Amino acid sequence: MSSLIPVVLLLLVLVTLLLAGGIGWAVHRYPALSAPVTAAGAAVMLVVACLAIIGAR
């Protein structure tokens, strides 16, 4: 089981970077999306913070 943890963490990091890149492109392409994307980003950061707290246990 211990070898599965780094793979899952790597996949989470890659998906997060892909999501951040997509959001950055969308805001760059359509500036009117900046307010909704900011709210969505705050929600994603909250989920990441909760996962970090759970993972630290």
C-alpha atoms as a PDB file:
ATOM      1  CA  MET A   1       0.000   0.000   0.000  1.00  0.00           C
ATOM      2  CA  SER A   2       2.826   2.424   0.702  1.00  0.00           C
ATOM      3  CA  SER A   3       3.907   2.525  -2.954  1.00  0.00           C
ATOM      4  CA  LEU A   4       0.398   3.602  -3.941  1.00  0.00           C
ATOM      5  CA  ILE A   5       0.502   6.828  -1.923  1.00  0.00           C
ATOM      6  CA  PRO A   6       3.191   8.631  -4.020  1.00  0.00           C
ATOM      7  CA  VAL A   7       1.394   7.687  -7.228  1.00  0.00           C
ATOM      8  CA  VAL A   8      -1.893   9.100  -5.954  1.00  0.00           C
ATOM      9  CA  LEU A   9      -0.153  12.283  -4.777  1.00  0.00           C
ATOM     10  CA  LEU A  10       1.541  12.685  -8.157  1.00  0.00           C
ATOM     11  CA  LEU A  11      -1.778  12.292  -9.945  1.00  0.00           C
ATOM     12  CA  LEU A  12      -3.425  14.837  -7.625  1.00  0.00           C
ATOM     13  CA  VAL A  13      -0.645  17.335  -8.322  1.00  0.00           C
ATOM     14  CA  LEU A  14      -0.868  16.800 -12.073  1.00  0.00           C
ATOM     15  CA  VAL A  15      -4.646  17.163 -12.134  1.00  0.00           C
ATOM     16  CA  THR A  16      -4.431  20.295  -9.984  1.00  0.00           C
ATOM     17  CA  LEU A  17      -1.856  21.843 -12.335  1.00  0.00           C
ATOM     18  CA  LEU A  18      -3.984  20.949 -15.352  1.00  0.00           C
ATOM     19  CA  LEU A  19      -7.040  22.492 -13.717  1.00  0.00           C
ATOM     20  CA  ALA A  20      -5.119  25.642 -12.771  1.00  0.00           C
ATOM     21  CA  GLY A  21      -3.776  25.964 -16.320  1.00  0.00           C
ATOM     22  CA  GLY A  22      -7.246  25.575 -17.791  1.00  0.00           C
ATOM     23  CA  ILE A  23      -8.708  28.161 -15.449  1.00  0.00           C
ATOM     24  CA  GLY A  24      -5.841  30.538 -16.181  1.00  0.00           C
ATOM     25  CA  TRP A  25      -6.388  30.156 -19.914  1.00  0.00           C
ATOM     26  CA  ALA A  26     -10.151  30.717 -19.558  1.00  0.00           C
ATOM     27  CA  VAL A  27      -9.642  33.922 -17.558  1.00  0.00           C
ATOM     28  CA  HIS A  28      -7.012  35.132 -20.019  1.00  0.00           C
ATOM     29  CA  ARG A  29      -9.279  34.394 -22.973  1.00  0.00           C
ATOM     30  CA  TYR A  30     -12.530  35.660 -21.391  1.00  0.00           C
ATOM     31  CA  PRO A  31     -11.802  38.383 -18.800  1.00  0.00           C
ATOM     32  CA  ALA A  32     -15.470  38.535 -17.733  1.00  0.00           C
ATOM     33  CA  LEU A  33     -15.004  35.161 -16.030  1.00  0.00           C
ATOM     34  CA  SER A  34     -12.576  36.495 -13.440  1.00  0.00           C
ATOM     35  CA  ALA A  35     -15.145  36.888 -10.621  1.00  0.00           C
ATOM     36  CA  PRO A  36     -16.777  33.423 -10.949  1.00  0.00           C
ATOM     37  CA  VAL A  37     -13.387  31.783 -11.367  1.00  0.00           C
ATOM     38  CA  THR A  38     -12.124  33.513  -8.227  1.00  0.00           C
ATOM     39  CA  ALA A  39     -15.033  32.071  -6.251  1.00  0.00           C
ATOM     40  CA  ALA A  40     -14.465  28.618  -7.750  1.00  0.00           C
ATOM     41  CA  GLY A  41     -10.759  28.882  -6.951  1.00  0.00           C
ATOM     42  CA  ALA A  42     -11.535  29.698  -3.346  1.00  0.00           C
ATOM     43  CA  ALA A  43     -13.739  26.606  -3.149  1.00  0.00           C
ATOM     44  CA  VAL A  44     -10.984  24.454  -4.640  1.00  0.00           C
ATOM     45  CA  MET A  45      -8.467  25.869  -2.157  1.00  0.00           C
ATOM     46  CA  LEU A  46     -10.823  24.999   0.689  1.00  0.00           C
ATOM     47  CA  VAL A  47     -11.070  21.403  -0.537  1.00  0.00           C
ATOM     48  CA  VAL A  48      -7.286  21.175  -0.876  1.00  0.00           C
ATOM     49  CA  ALA A  49      -6.822  22.536   2.635  1.00  0.00           C
ATOM     50  CA  CYS A  50      -9.232  19.944   4.023  1.00  0.00           C
ATOM     51  CA  LEU A  51      -7.440  17.157   2.151  1.00  0.00           C
ATOM     52  CA  ALA A  52      -4.096  18.400   3.494  1.00  0.00           C
ATOM     53  CA  ILE A  53      -5.411  18.322   7.049  1.00  0.00           C
ATOM     54  CA  ILE A  54      -6.812  14.820   6.567  1.00  0.00           C
ATOM     55  CA  GLY A  55      -3.575  13.666   4.935  1.00  0.00           C
ATOM     56  CA  ALA A  56      -1.434  15.036   7.757  1.00  0.00           C
ATOM     57  CA  ARG A  57      -3.164  12.819  10.294  1.00  0.00           C
END
